[in-house]
């Protein structure tokens, strides 16, 4: 099994950064407990407080796919959509 990393950029609507942070931190806390999660770290831009970056690592693509089907992710998507200025930018990475 080969691990996989995910990089996600979130941009909150102007002035919604604090509300978005609360939702993103809840997602982080839940996701860190999911099977196969090796790392799940949310970051906030120091100057533009409406921008966030998530870096996550999973044991395998299968474990990531299982995580993406969990209820807390669907709940997160329903809550966060009203706080974001645009769709999250997601990219997948493999170790070299």
N, C-alpha and C. Protein backbone atom coordinates (compact mmCIF):
# COMPACT_ATOMS: atom_id res chain seq x y z
N UNK A 1 0.84 -1.18 0.00
CA UNK A 1 0.00 0.00 0.00
C UNK A 1 0.88 1.24 0.00
N UNK A 2 0.54 2.20 -0.86
CA UNK A 2 1.28 3.44 -0.92
C UNK A 2 0.46 4.55 -0.29
N UNK A 3 1.10 5.34 0.57
CA UNK A 3 0.39 6.44 1.21
C UNK A 3 0.04 7.51 0.18
N UNK A 4 -0.89 8.37 0.56
CA UNK A 4 -1.31 9.47 -0.29
C UNK A 4 -1.47 10.72 0.57
N UNK A 5 -1.07 11.85 0.00
CA UNK A 5 -1.22 13.14 0.68
C UNK A 5 -2.22 13.98 -0.08
N UNK A 6 -2.89 14.85 0.66
CA UNK A 6 -3.89 15.73 0.07
C UNK A 6 -3.62 17.15 0.55
N UNK A 7 -3.69 18.09 -0.39
CA UNK A 7 -3.50 19.50 -0.10
C UNK A 7 -4.79 20.20 -0.50
N UNK A 8 -5.40 20.93 0.44
CA UNK A 8 -6.68 21.59 0.16
C UNK A 8 -6.58 23.05 0.56
N UNK A 9 -7.00 23.94 -0.34
CA UNK A 9 -7.06 25.36 -0.04
C UNK A 9 -8.52 25.77 0.09
N UNK A 10 -8.83 26.46 1.18
CA UNK A 10 -10.18 26.97 1.44
C UNK A 10 -10.10 28.48 1.50
N UNK A 11 -11.10 29.14 0.93
CA UNK A 11 -11.19 30.59 1.07
C UNK A 11 -12.59 30.93 1.56
N UNK A 12 -12.64 31.49 2.77
CA UNK A 12 -13.92 31.89 3.35
C UNK A 12 -14.41 33.17 2.70
N UNK A 13 -15.71 33.37 2.75
CA UNK A 13 -16.26 34.64 2.29
C UNK A 13 -15.64 35.75 3.15
N UNK A 14 -15.46 36.94 2.60
CA UNK A 14 -14.87 38.03 3.38
C UNK A 14 -15.57 38.20 4.72
N UNK A 15 -14.78 38.21 5.77
CA UNK A 15 -15.31 38.37 7.12
C UNK A 15 -15.82 37.10 7.76
N UNK A 16 -15.80 35.97 7.05
CA UNK A 16 -16.31 34.70 7.60
C UNK A 16 -15.19 33.79 8.10
N UNK A 17 -13.98 34.30 8.16
CA UNK A 17 -12.84 33.47 8.55
C UNK A 17 -12.97 32.84 9.92
N UNK A 18 -13.46 33.57 10.90
CA UNK A 18 -13.57 33.00 12.25
C UNK A 18 -14.60 31.89 12.31
N UNK A 19 -15.72 32.09 11.63
CA UNK A 19 -16.75 31.04 11.59
C UNK A 19 -16.23 29.82 10.84
N UNK A 20 -15.53 30.05 9.73
CA UNK A 20 -14.97 28.94 8.96
C UNK A 20 -13.94 28.18 9.80
N UNK A 21 -13.13 28.91 10.54
CA UNK A 21 -12.11 28.25 11.36
C UNK A 21 -12.75 27.27 12.35
N UNK A 22 -13.83 27.65 12.97
CA UNK A 22 -14.50 26.76 13.93
C UNK A 22 -14.94 25.47 13.25
N UNK A 23 -15.51 25.57 12.07
CA UNK A 23 -15.98 24.40 11.33
C UNK A 23 -14.79 23.54 10.88
N UNK A 24 -13.74 24.19 10.40
CA UNK A 24 -12.56 23.47 9.92
C UNK A 24 -11.83 22.76 11.06
N UNK A 25 -11.78 23.37 12.22
CA UNK A 25 -11.14 22.72 13.38
C UNK A 25 -11.95 21.51 13.82
N UNK A 26 -13.28 21.61 13.77
CA UNK A 26 -14.11 20.45 14.10
C UNK A 26 -13.85 19.31 13.13
N UNK A 27 -13.74 19.63 11.85
CA UNK A 27 -13.43 18.62 10.85
C UNK A 27 -12.08 17.97 11.14
N UNK A 28 -11.10 18.79 11.49
CA UNK A 28 -9.77 18.28 11.82
C UNK A 28 -9.82 17.30 12.99
N UNK A 29 -10.54 17.68 14.03
CA UNK A 29 -10.63 16.83 15.23
C UNK A 29 -11.28 15.49 14.91
N UNK A 30 -12.33 15.50 14.12
CA UNK A 30 -13.01 14.25 13.76
C UNK A 30 -12.14 13.41 12.83
N UNK A 31 -11.56 14.03 11.83
CA UNK A 31 -10.81 13.30 10.81
C UNK A 31 -9.54 12.66 11.34
N UNK A 32 -8.92 13.28 12.32
CA UNK A 32 -7.70 12.71 12.91
C UNK A 32 -7.97 11.34 13.55
N UNK A 33 -9.23 11.08 13.89
CA UNK A 33 -9.60 9.81 14.52
C UNK A 33 -9.97 8.73 13.50
N UNK A 34 -10.09 9.11 12.23
CA UNK A 34 -10.52 8.17 11.21
C UNK A 34 -9.43 7.13 10.92
N UNK A 35 -9.83 5.89 10.66
CA UNK A 35 -8.86 4.85 10.32
C UNK A 35 -8.01 5.25 9.11
N UNK A 36 -6.71 5.04 9.23
CA UNK A 36 -5.80 5.32 8.14
C UNK A 36 -5.24 6.72 8.10
N UNK A 37 -5.71 7.59 8.98
CA UNK A 37 -5.22 8.97 9.00
C UNK A 37 -3.83 9.01 9.65
N UNK A 38 -2.86 9.51 8.91
CA UNK A 38 -1.50 9.65 9.42
C UNK A 38 -1.23 11.09 9.87
N UNK A 39 -1.86 12.03 9.20
CA UNK A 39 -1.65 13.45 9.51
C UNK A 39 -2.84 14.23 8.98
N UNK A 40 -3.28 15.22 9.73
CA UNK A 40 -4.41 16.04 9.31
C UNK A 40 -4.26 17.40 9.99
N UNK A 41 -3.65 18.34 9.29
CA UNK A 41 -3.30 19.62 9.89
C UNK A 41 -3.88 20.78 9.11
N UNK A 42 -4.69 21.59 9.79
CA UNK A 42 -5.30 22.77 9.21
C UNK A 42 -4.42 23.97 9.56
N UNK A 43 -4.27 24.88 8.60
CA UNK A 43 -3.47 26.09 8.79
C UNK A 43 -4.27 27.29 8.33
N UNK A 44 -4.01 28.44 8.97
CA UNK A 44 -4.67 29.69 8.59
C UNK A 44 -3.61 30.67 8.13
N UNK A 45 -3.87 31.37 7.05
CA UNK A 45 -2.91 32.33 6.50
C UNK A 45 -2.71 33.46 7.52
N UNK A 46 -1.46 33.84 7.79
CA UNK A 46 -1.21 34.85 8.82
C UNK A 46 -1.65 36.26 8.44
N UNK A 47 -1.79 36.54 7.15
CA UNK A 47 -2.17 37.89 6.74
C UNK A 47 -3.60 37.95 6.21
N UNK A 48 -4.01 36.96 5.44
CA UNK A 48 -5.38 36.91 4.94
C UNK A 48 -6.13 35.89 5.78
N UNK A 49 -6.82 36.35 6.79
CA UNK A 49 -7.45 35.48 7.79
C UNK A 49 -8.66 34.73 7.24
N UNK A 50 -8.99 34.94 5.97
CA UNK A 50 -10.07 34.18 5.34
C UNK A 50 -9.55 33.01 4.51
N UNK A 51 -8.24 32.76 4.52
CA UNK A 51 -7.66 31.66 3.76
C UNK A 51 -7.12 30.59 4.69
N UNK A 52 -7.38 29.33 4.29
CA UNK A 52 -6.95 28.18 5.08
C UNK A 52 -6.32 27.15 4.15
N UNK A 53 -5.41 26.37 4.71
CA UNK A 53 -4.77 25.29 3.97
C UNK A 53 -4.80 24.04 4.84
N UNK A 54 -5.20 22.94 4.24
CA UNK A 54 -5.23 21.65 4.92
C UNK A 54 -4.20 20.74 4.27
N UNK A 55 -3.38 20.10 5.11
CA UNK A 55 -2.47 19.07 4.63
C UNK A 55 -2.83 17.80 5.37
N UNK A 56 -3.13 16.75 4.59
CA UNK A 56 -3.49 15.47 5.20
C UNK A 56 -2.72 14.34 4.53
N UNK A 57 -2.42 13.31 5.31
CA UNK A 57 -1.75 12.11 4.79
C UNK A 57 -2.53 10.89 5.25
N UNK A 58 -2.67 9.94 4.32
CA UNK A 58 -3.43 8.72 4.58
C UNK A 58 -2.59 7.50 4.25
N UNK A 59 -2.85 6.40 4.93
CA UNK A 59 -2.11 5.15 4.70
C UNK A 59 -2.23 4.69 3.25
N UNK A 60 -3.40 4.92 2.63
CA UNK A 60 -3.61 4.48 1.26
C UNK A 60 -4.76 5.27 0.65
N UNK A 61 -4.88 5.18 -0.65
CA UNK A 61 -6.00 5.82 -1.35
C UNK A 61 -7.32 5.21 -0.89
N UNK A 62 -7.31 3.91 -0.63
CA UNK A 62 -8.52 3.23 -0.15
C UNK A 62 -8.97 3.80 1.20
N UNK A 63 -8.02 4.07 2.08
CA UNK A 63 -8.37 4.64 3.39
C UNK A 63 -8.90 6.06 3.23
N UNK A 64 -8.31 6.82 2.33
CA UNK A 64 -8.81 8.17 2.05
C UNK A 64 -10.22 8.09 1.49
N UNK A 65 -10.46 7.19 0.54
CA UNK A 65 -11.79 7.05 -0.05
C UNK A 65 -12.83 6.68 1.02
N UNK A 66 -12.45 5.82 1.96
CA UNK A 66 -13.36 5.45 3.05
C UNK A 66 -13.67 6.67 3.92
N UNK A 67 -12.65 7.46 4.20
CA UNK A 67 -12.82 8.70 4.99
C UNK A 67 -13.82 9.64 4.30
N UNK A 68 -13.71 9.76 2.99
CA UNK A 68 -14.56 10.68 2.23
C UNK A 68 -16.03 10.28 2.24
N UNK A 69 -16.33 9.04 2.62
CA UNK A 69 -17.71 8.56 2.67
C UNK A 69 -18.33 8.65 4.07
N UNK A 70 -17.56 9.11 5.05
CA UNK A 70 -18.06 9.15 6.42
C UNK A 70 -19.03 10.30 6.65
N UNK A 71 -19.93 10.10 7.61
CA UNK A 71 -21.00 11.07 7.87
C UNK A 71 -20.47 12.44 8.26
N UNK A 72 -19.40 12.49 9.03
CA UNK A 72 -18.94 13.80 9.48
C UNK A 72 -18.41 14.65 8.32
N UNK A 73 -17.98 14.03 7.23
CA UNK A 73 -17.56 14.79 6.06
C UNK A 73 -18.76 15.38 5.32
N UNK A 74 -19.83 14.62 5.21
CA UNK A 74 -21.06 15.12 4.58
C UNK A 74 -21.63 16.28 5.41
N UNK A 75 -21.62 16.14 6.72
CA UNK A 75 -22.10 17.21 7.60
C UNK A 75 -21.25 18.46 7.43
N UNK A 76 -19.93 18.28 7.36
CA UNK A 76 -19.01 19.40 7.16
C UNK A 76 -19.34 20.13 5.85
N UNK A 77 -19.52 19.39 4.78
CA UNK A 77 -19.79 20.00 3.48
C UNK A 77 -21.07 20.82 3.51
N UNK A 78 -22.08 20.35 4.20
CA UNK A 78 -23.34 21.09 4.31
C UNK A 78 -23.18 22.39 5.09
N UNK A 79 -22.38 22.37 6.13
CA UNK A 79 -22.19 23.55 6.97
C UNK A 79 -21.25 24.56 6.32
N UNK A 80 -20.15 24.08 5.77
CA UNK A 80 -19.10 24.99 5.29
C UNK A 80 -19.46 25.67 3.97
N UNK A 81 -20.34 25.10 3.18
CA UNK A 81 -20.62 25.65 1.85
C UNK A 81 -21.10 27.10 1.92
N UNK A 82 -21.83 27.47 2.95
CA UNK A 82 -22.32 28.84 3.08
C UNK A 82 -21.24 29.81 3.57
N UNK A 83 -20.13 29.26 4.06
CA UNK A 83 -19.04 30.10 4.58
C UNK A 83 -17.94 30.35 3.56
N UNK A 84 -17.92 29.56 2.48
CA UNK A 84 -16.83 29.64 1.52
C UNK A 84 -17.15 30.56 0.34
N UNK A 85 -16.11 31.24 -0.13
CA UNK A 85 -16.24 32.12 -1.29
C UNK A 85 -16.25 31.32 -2.59
N UNK A 86 -15.62 30.13 -2.57
CA UNK A 86 -15.54 29.28 -3.76
C UNK A 86 -15.32 27.84 -3.32
N UNK A 87 -15.38 26.94 -4.26
CA UNK A 87 -15.12 25.53 -3.99
C UNK A 87 -13.67 25.36 -3.50
N UNK A 88 -13.43 24.46 -2.57
CA UNK A 88 -12.05 24.18 -2.15
C UNK A 88 -11.21 23.68 -3.33
N UNK A 89 -9.96 24.06 -3.34
CA UNK A 89 -9.02 23.58 -4.36
C UNK A 89 -8.28 22.38 -3.77
N UNK A 90 -8.46 21.21 -4.39
CA UNK A 90 -7.94 19.96 -3.85
C UNK A 90 -6.92 19.37 -4.81
N UNK A 91 -5.78 18.94 -4.27
CA UNK A 91 -4.80 18.22 -5.09
C UNK A 91 -4.28 17.02 -4.30
N UNK A 92 -3.98 15.95 -5.03
CA UNK A 92 -3.53 14.70 -4.44
C UNK A 92 -2.06 14.48 -4.79
N UNK A 93 -1.30 13.93 -3.84
CA UNK A 93 0.13 13.76 -3.99
C UNK A 93 0.56 12.40 -3.51
N UNK A 94 1.58 11.84 -4.15
CA UNK A 94 2.17 10.57 -3.72
C UNK A 94 3.64 10.79 -3.39
N UNK A 95 4.16 10.02 -2.44
CA UNK A 95 5.57 10.19 -2.09
C UNK A 95 6.48 9.72 -3.23
N UNK A 96 7.65 10.30 -3.28
CA UNK A 96 8.64 9.89 -4.28
C UNK A 96 9.78 9.16 -3.60
